[in-house]
Amino acid sequence: MNLRKRQRGVSAEVHTSAMNDIMFFLLLFFLIASTVTNPNVIKLLLPKSSSGKSVSKKTIVVSVTKDLKYYVDRQQVAIADLPAKLASYKPLATNLTIVLYVDKTVAIQDVVQIMDISQKLNIKLVLATEPK
């Protein structure tokens, strides 16, 4: 009399060592990719340009949203306080550049107003665009 049960079929095994490697590489990829992104950018729709140059590292980022909110290095500033705020950056560097990010729906008069401020302060100004 045989009391042992017979095994029918094949036992199923799942090997997860390859999945661990894949998950490690995905985690590593997303960690590296997240350091490349710039979190100091305000979301704007920029005008397109076929020619573009990179800018030196001594820059001030000025952003204007479509509802005419002005930001200097991610800090909201009133338009009346903008010349004083930009003038406070002038002693920090000799070759200073303003990178102007303006939503494409903003009127050109508001852009010219910031250009006038940079001209009076003798600071170089560059208008940021997206590539076509």
N, C-alpha and C. Protein backbone atom coordinates (compact mmCIF):
# COMPACT_ATOMS: atom_id res chain seq x y z
N MET A 1 0.83 -1.16 0.00
CA MET A 1 0.00 0.00 0.00
C MET A 1 0.89 1.25 0.00
N ASN A 2 0.71 2.03 -1.00
CA ASN A 2 1.52 3.24 -1.18
C ASN A 2 0.70 4.46 -0.74
N LEU A 3 1.11 5.11 0.39
CA LEU A 3 0.35 6.25 0.93
C LEU A 3 0.86 7.60 0.43
N ARG A 4 1.92 7.61 -0.26
CA ARG A 4 2.45 8.87 -0.78
C ARG A 4 1.66 9.32 -1.99
N LYS A 5 1.48 10.66 -2.05
CA LYS A 5 0.77 11.20 -3.21
C LYS A 5 1.75 11.33 -4.36
N ARG A 6 1.26 11.07 -5.48
CA ARG A 6 2.09 11.24 -6.66
C ARG A 6 2.02 12.70 -7.13
N GLN A 7 3.14 13.21 -7.56
CA GLN A 7 3.13 14.57 -8.11
C GLN A 7 2.72 14.49 -9.56
N ARG A 8 1.71 15.26 -9.84
CA ARG A 8 1.26 15.29 -11.22
C ARG A 8 1.70 16.61 -11.84
N GLY A 9 2.23 16.58 -12.94
CA GLY A 9 2.67 17.78 -13.65
C GLY A 9 4.03 18.25 -13.16
N VAL A 10 4.37 19.45 -13.56
CA VAL A 10 5.67 20.02 -13.27
C VAL A 10 5.47 21.15 -12.27
N SER A 11 6.39 21.29 -11.36
CA SER A 11 6.28 22.40 -10.41
C SER A 11 6.70 23.70 -11.10
N ALA A 12 5.97 24.78 -10.80
CA ALA A 12 6.25 26.09 -11.43
C ALA A 12 7.16 26.91 -10.53
N GLU A 13 8.19 27.50 -11.14
CA GLU A 13 9.12 28.36 -10.41
C GLU A 13 9.25 29.67 -11.16
N VAL A 14 9.34 30.76 -10.41
CA VAL A 14 9.51 32.08 -11.00
C VAL A 14 10.85 32.63 -10.55
N HIS A 15 11.70 32.93 -11.50
CA HIS A 15 13.02 33.49 -11.19
C HIS A 15 12.92 35.01 -11.31
N THR A 16 13.16 35.70 -10.23
CA THR A 16 13.00 37.16 -10.21
C THR A 16 14.33 37.89 -10.21
N SER A 17 15.42 37.24 -10.38
CA SER A 17 16.71 37.91 -10.34
C SER A 17 16.86 38.88 -11.52
N ALA A 18 16.36 38.54 -12.68
CA ALA A 18 16.44 39.44 -13.82
C ALA A 18 15.55 40.67 -13.60
N MET A 19 14.41 40.48 -12.96
CA MET A 19 13.52 41.60 -12.70
C MET A 19 14.15 42.59 -11.71
N ASN A 20 14.91 42.09 -10.75
CA ASN A 20 15.60 42.95 -9.81
C ASN A 20 16.63 43.83 -10.53
N ASP A 21 17.35 43.26 -11.48
CA ASP A 21 18.32 44.03 -12.26
C ASP A 21 17.63 45.12 -13.08
N ILE A 22 16.52 44.78 -13.71
CA ILE A 22 15.79 45.76 -14.51
C ILE A 22 15.28 46.89 -13.64
N MET A 23 14.72 46.58 -12.49
CA MET A 23 14.20 47.62 -11.60
C MET A 23 15.34 48.52 -11.09
N PHE A 24 16.50 47.94 -10.82
CA PHE A 24 17.64 48.74 -10.39
C PHE A 24 18.07 49.71 -11.48
N PHE A 25 18.14 49.25 -12.72
CA PHE A 25 18.54 50.13 -13.82
C PHE A 25 17.49 51.21 -14.09
N LEU A 26 16.22 50.89 -13.97
CA LEU A 26 15.18 51.91 -14.12
C LEU A 26 15.27 52.96 -13.03
N LEU A 27 15.48 52.55 -11.81
CA LEU A 27 15.64 53.49 -10.70
C LEU A 27 16.84 54.39 -10.93
N LEU A 28 17.94 53.82 -11.35
CA LEU A 28 19.15 54.59 -11.62
C LEU A 28 18.92 55.58 -12.75
N PHE A 29 18.24 55.16 -13.81
CA PHE A 29 17.96 56.04 -14.93
C PHE A 29 17.12 57.24 -14.49
N PHE A 30 16.06 57.00 -13.73
CA PHE A 30 15.20 58.10 -13.30
C PHE A 30 15.88 59.03 -12.31
N LEU A 31 16.76 58.51 -11.48
CA LEU A 31 17.52 59.38 -10.59
C LEU A 31 18.45 60.30 -11.36
N ILE A 32 19.12 59.76 -12.36
CA ILE A 32 20.01 60.59 -13.17
C ILE A 32 19.21 61.58 -14.01
N ALA A 33 18.10 61.15 -14.57
CA ALA A 33 17.28 62.05 -15.39
C ALA A 33 16.67 63.16 -14.56
N SER A 34 16.35 62.92 -13.31
CA SER A 34 15.74 63.96 -12.49
C SER A 34 16.75 65.04 -12.09
N THR A 35 18.03 64.72 -12.06
CA THR A 35 19.03 65.74 -11.74
C THR A 35 19.30 66.66 -12.93
N VAL A 36 18.98 66.21 -14.13
CA VAL A 36 19.22 67.02 -15.33
C VAL A 36 18.15 68.10 -15.48
N THR A 37 16.94 67.83 -15.04
CA THR A 37 15.87 68.81 -15.19
C THR A 37 16.12 70.01 -14.31
N ASN A 38 15.61 71.16 -14.73
CA ASN A 38 15.81 72.40 -14.00
C ASN A 38 14.52 72.74 -13.24
N PRO A 39 14.53 72.63 -11.92
CA PRO A 39 13.30 72.93 -11.17
C PRO A 39 13.07 74.42 -10.97
N ASN A 40 14.00 75.28 -11.37
CA ASN A 40 13.88 76.72 -11.15
C ASN A 40 13.26 77.43 -12.34
N VAL A 41 12.43 76.74 -13.10
CA VAL A 41 11.84 77.33 -14.29
C VAL A 41 10.35 77.47 -14.10
N ILE A 42 9.83 78.63 -14.45
CA ILE A 42 8.39 78.86 -14.43
C ILE A 42 7.85 78.46 -15.79
N LYS A 43 6.76 77.73 -15.83
CA LYS A 43 6.21 77.18 -17.07
C LYS A 43 5.64 78.31 -17.92
N LEU A 44 6.24 78.53 -19.10
CA LEU A 44 5.81 79.56 -20.04
C LEU A 44 5.79 78.99 -21.45
N LEU A 45 4.98 79.55 -22.31
CA LEU A 45 5.01 79.23 -23.73
C LEU A 45 5.90 80.27 -24.40
N LEU A 46 7.10 79.87 -24.78
CA LEU A 46 8.07 80.80 -25.36
C LEU A 46 7.91 80.88 -26.87
N PRO A 47 8.25 82.02 -27.45
CA PRO A 47 8.26 82.11 -28.91
C PRO A 47 9.37 81.25 -29.49
N LYS A 48 9.24 80.89 -30.74
CA LYS A 48 10.20 80.00 -31.39
C LYS A 48 11.22 80.81 -32.19
N SER A 49 12.45 80.27 -32.27
CA SER A 49 13.52 80.94 -33.00
C SER A 49 14.39 79.88 -33.66
N SER A 50 14.86 80.17 -34.88
CA SER A 50 15.72 79.20 -35.56
C SER A 50 17.18 79.38 -35.19
N SER A 51 17.56 80.55 -34.71
CA SER A 51 18.94 80.75 -34.28
C SER A 51 18.95 80.96 -32.78
N GLY A 52 19.90 80.37 -32.13
CA GLY A 52 19.98 80.51 -30.68
C GLY A 52 21.39 80.30 -30.20
N LYS A 53 21.73 80.95 -29.07
CA LYS A 53 23.04 80.80 -28.49
C LYS A 53 22.87 80.51 -27.00
N SER A 54 23.87 79.85 -26.44
CA SER A 54 23.86 79.66 -25.00
C SER A 54 24.37 80.93 -24.33
N VAL A 55 24.07 81.08 -23.06
CA VAL A 55 24.38 82.31 -22.34
C VAL A 55 25.40 82.00 -21.26
N SER A 56 26.19 83.02 -20.88
CA SER A 56 27.19 82.84 -19.84
C SER A 56 26.53 82.48 -18.51
N LYS A 57 27.32 82.04 -17.56
CA LYS A 57 26.79 81.53 -16.29
C LYS A 57 26.37 82.64 -15.33
N LYS A 58 26.79 83.87 -15.54
CA LYS A 58 26.42 84.97 -14.65
C LYS A 58 25.12 85.58 -15.15
N THR A 59 24.01 84.93 -14.82
CA THR A 59 22.73 85.36 -15.36
C THR A 59 21.71 85.60 -14.26
N ILE A 60 20.74 86.45 -14.58
CA ILE A 60 19.56 86.66 -13.77
C ILE A 60 18.39 86.23 -14.62
N VAL A 61 17.53 85.40 -14.07
CA VAL A 61 16.37 84.93 -14.81
C VAL A 61 15.18 85.80 -14.45
N VAL A 62 14.64 86.50 -15.46
CA VAL A 62 13.44 87.32 -15.29
C VAL A 62 12.34 86.68 -16.12
N SER A 63 11.21 86.38 -15.48
CA SER A 63 10.10 85.73 -16.15
C SER A 63 8.86 86.60 -16.06
N VAL A 64 8.09 86.61 -17.16
CA VAL A 64 6.82 87.33 -17.19
C VAL A 64 5.76 86.34 -17.65
N THR A 65 4.75 86.13 -16.81
CA THR A 65 3.68 85.20 -17.15
C THR A 65 2.63 85.91 -17.98
N LYS A 66 1.67 85.13 -18.50
CA LYS A 66 0.65 85.71 -19.36
C LYS A 66 -0.28 86.65 -18.61
N ASP A 67 -0.38 86.51 -17.29
CA ASP A 67 -1.20 87.45 -16.51
C ASP A 67 -0.35 88.56 -15.88
N LEU A 68 0.82 88.84 -16.49
CA LEU A 68 1.72 89.94 -16.15
C LEU A 68 2.21 89.89 -14.70
N LYS A 69 2.61 88.72 -14.28
CA LYS A 69 3.30 88.58 -12.99
C LYS A 69 4.79 88.49 -13.31
N TYR A 70 5.58 89.30 -12.63
CA TYR A 70 7.01 89.38 -12.88
C TYR A 70 7.76 88.60 -11.81
N TYR A 71 8.72 87.78 -12.25
CA TYR A 71 9.53 86.98 -11.34
C TYR A 71 11.00 87.24 -11.63
N VAL A 72 11.78 87.42 -10.57
CA VAL A 72 13.23 87.52 -10.68
C VAL A 72 13.80 86.37 -9.87
N ASP A 73 14.41 85.41 -10.56
CA ASP A 73 14.94 84.19 -9.93
C ASP A 73 13.89 83.53 -9.04
N ARG A 74 12.71 83.29 -9.61
CA ARG A 74 11.58 82.60 -8.98
C ARG A 74 10.94 83.36 -7.83
N GLN A 75 11.28 84.61 -7.62
CA GLN A 75 10.66 85.43 -6.59
C GLN A 75 9.79 86.48 -7.28
N GLN A 76 8.53 86.54 -6.89
CA GLN A 76 7.62 87.49 -7.53
C GLN A 76 7.97 88.92 -7.11
N VAL A 77 8.01 89.81 -8.10
CA VAL A 77 8.38 91.20 -7.89
C VAL A 77 7.37 92.08 -8.62
N ALA A 78 7.00 93.19 -8.00
CA ALA A 78 6.14 94.16 -8.68
C ALA A 78 6.98 94.88 -9.74
N ILE A 79 6.30 95.35 -10.79
CA ILE A 79 7.03 96.03 -11.88
C ILE A 79 7.72 97.30 -11.39
N ALA A 80 7.15 97.94 -10.38
CA ALA A 80 7.76 99.16 -9.84
C ALA A 80 9.05 98.84 -9.08
N ASP A 81 9.15 97.66 -8.50
CA ASP A 81 10.33 97.27 -7.73
C ASP A 81 11.38 96.57 -8.58
N LEU A 82 11.09 96.32 -9.85
CA LEU A 82 12.00 95.58 -10.72
C LEU A 82 13.35 96.28 -10.93
N PRO A 83 13.41 97.60 -11.17
CA PRO A 83 14.73 98.23 -11.33
C PRO A 83 15.62 98.12 -10.09
N ALA A 84 15.03 98.27 -8.92
CA ALA A 84 15.82 98.17 -7.69
C ALA A 84 16.31 96.74 -7.47
N LYS A 85 15.45 95.78 -7.78
CA LYS A 85 15.84 94.37 -7.60
C LYS A 85 16.98 93.99 -8.55
N LEU A 86 16.89 94.43 -9.81
CA LEU A 86 17.95 94.13 -10.77
C LEU A 86 19.24 94.88 -10.43
N ALA A 87 19.11 96.09 -9.91
CA ALA A 87 20.30 96.87 -9.54
C ALA A 87 21.03 96.22 -8.36
N SER A 88 20.31 95.50 -7.52
CA SER A 88 20.98 94.83 -6.40
C SER A 88 21.88 93.68 -6.86
N TYR A 89 21.64 93.14 -8.05
CA TYR A 89 22.49 92.07 -8.59
C TYR A 89 23.74 92.62 -9.27
N LYS A 90 23.74 93.88 -9.65
CA LYS A 90 24.84 94.47 -10.42
C LYS A 90 26.20 94.37 -9.72
N PRO A 91 26.32 94.64 -8.40
CA PRO A 91 27.65 94.54 -7.77
C PRO A 91 28.17 93.11 -7.64
N LEU A 92 27.32 92.11 -7.81
CA LEU A 92 27.74 90.72 -7.62
C LEU A 92 28.62 90.20 -8.75
N ALA A 93 28.47 90.74 -9.96
CA ALA A 93 29.25 90.24 -11.10
C ALA A 93 29.53 91.40 -12.06
N THR A 94 30.66 91.30 -12.75
CA THR A 94 31.01 92.35 -13.69
C THR A 94 30.30 92.17 -15.03
N ASN A 95 30.23 90.95 -15.53
CA ASN A 95 29.60 90.66 -16.81
C ASN A 95 28.28 89.96 -16.55
N LEU A 96 27.25 90.73 -16.32
CA LEU A 96 25.95 90.21 -15.92
C LEU A 96 25.01 90.18 -17.12
N THR A 97 24.18 89.14 -17.21
CA THR A 97 23.22 89.00 -18.29
C THR A 97 21.85 88.67 -17.72
N ILE A 98 20.83 89.33 -18.23
CA ILE A 98 19.45 89.01 -17.87
C ILE A 98 18.90 88.08 -18.95
N VAL A 99 18.38 86.94 -18.54
CA VAL A 99 17.71 86.04 -19.46
C VAL A 99 16.22 86.27 -19.25
N LEU A 100 15.56 86.78 -20.28
CA LEU A 100 14.16 87.18 -20.18
C LEU A 100 13.27 86.10 -20.77
N TYR A 101 12.48 85.48 -19.92
CA TYR A 101 11.49 84.48 -20.32
C TYR A 101 10.12 85.16 -20.31
N VAL A 102 9.52 85.31 -21.48
CA VAL A 102 8.24 85.98 -21.59
C VAL A 102 7.27 85.06 -22.31
N ASP A 103 6.06 84.94 -21.78
CA ASP A 103 5.03 84.17 -22.45
C ASP A 103 4.73 84.83 -23.79
N LYS A 104 4.46 84.04 -24.81
CA LYS A 104 4.29 84.61 -26.15
C LYS A 104 3.00 85.40 -26.30
N THR A 105 2.10 85.33 -25.34
CA THR A 105 0.87 86.11 -25.41
C THR A 105 1.00 87.49 -24.77
N VAL A 106 2.13 87.79 -24.14
CA VAL A 106 2.35 89.08 -23.50
C VAL A 106 2.61 90.15 -24.56
N ALA A 107 2.04 91.33 -24.32
CA ALA A 107 2.21 92.44 -25.27
C ALA A 107 3.67 92.87 -25.32
N ILE A 108 4.08 93.34 -26.48
CA ILE A 108 5.48 93.73 -26.68
C ILE A 108 5.86 94.94 -25.82
N GLN A 109 4.91 95.77 -25.46
CA GLN A 109 5.20 96.95 -24.64
C GLN A 109 5.74 96.53 -23.27
N ASP A 110 5.23 95.43 -22.72
CA ASP A 110 5.72 94.95 -21.43
C ASP A 110 7.15 94.42 -21.55
N VAL A 111 7.47 93.84 -22.69
CA VAL A 111 8.84 93.36 -22.93
C VAL A 111 9.79 94.54 -23.09
N VAL A 112 9.35 95.54 -23.82
CA VAL A 112 10.19 96.73 -24.04
C VAL A 112 10.45 97.46 -22.73
N GLN A 113 9.47 97.42 -21.83
CA GLN A 113 9.64 98.07 -20.54
C GLN A 113 10.80 97.42 -19.76
N ILE A 114 10.90 96.11 -19.80
CA ILE A 114 12.01 95.42 -19.13
C ILE A 114 13.32 95.68 -19.87
N MET A 115 13.26 95.76 -21.20
CA MET A 115 14.47 96.08 -21.97
C MET A 115 14.99 97.48 -21.61
N ASP A 116 14.10 98.42 -21.41
CA ASP A 116 14.50 99.77 -21.01
C ASP A 116 15.18 99.76 -19.64
N ILE A 117 14.63 98.97 -18.73
CA ILE A 117 15.22 98.89 -17.39
C ILE A 117 16.64 98.32 -17.48
N SER A 118 16.83 97.28 -18.27
CA SER A 118 18.17 96.69 -18.39
C SER A 118 19.13 97.64 -19.10
N GLN A 119 18.62 98.41 -20.06
CA GLN A 119 19.47 99.39 -20.76
C GLN A 119 19.93 100.49 -19.81
N LYS A 120 19.02 100.97 -18.96
CA LYS A 120 19.38 102.02 -17.99
C LYS A 120 20.39 101.52 -16.97
N LEU A 121 20.30 100.25 -16.61
CA LEU A 121 21.24 99.67 -15.65
C LEU A 121 22.52 99.17 -16.31
N ASN A 122 22.57 99.23 -17.65
CA ASN A 122 23.73 98.78 -18.42
C ASN A 122 24.00 97.28 -18.19
N ILE A 123 22.91 96.50 -18.24
CA ILE A 123 23.00 95.05 -18.11
C ILE A 123 22.55 94.44 -19.44
N LYS A 124 23.32 93.49 -19.93
CA LYS A 124 22.99 92.81 -21.17
C LYS A 124 21.71 91.99 -20.99
N LEU A 125 20.85 91.98 -21.99
CA LEU A 125 19.58 91.27 -21.92
C LEU A 125 19.47 90.31 -23.09
N VAL A 126 19.01 89.09 -22.82
CA VAL A 126 18.82 88.06 -23.84
C VAL A 126 17.40 87.55 -23.71
N LEU A 127 16.69 87.48 -24.82
CA LEU A 127 15.33 86.97 -24.83
C LEU A 127 15.36 85.46 -25.07
N ALA A 128 14.75 84.70 -24.17
CA ALA A 128 14.75 83.24 -24.27
C ALA A 128 13.67 82.80 -25.26
N THR A 129 14.01 81.84 -26.13
CA THR A 129 13.09 81.29 -27.09
C THR A 129 13.20 79.77 -27.08
N GLU A 130 12.23 79.11 -27.70
CA GLU A 130 12.30 77.67 -27.89
C GLU A 130 12.78 77.38 -29.31
N PRO A 131 13.52 76.31 -29.52
CA PRO A 131 13.92 75.96 -30.88
C PRO A 131 12.72 75.50 -31.70
N LYS A 132 12.77 75.74 -33.02
CA LYS A 132 11.67 75.33 -33.90
C LYS A 132 11.67 73.84 -34.10
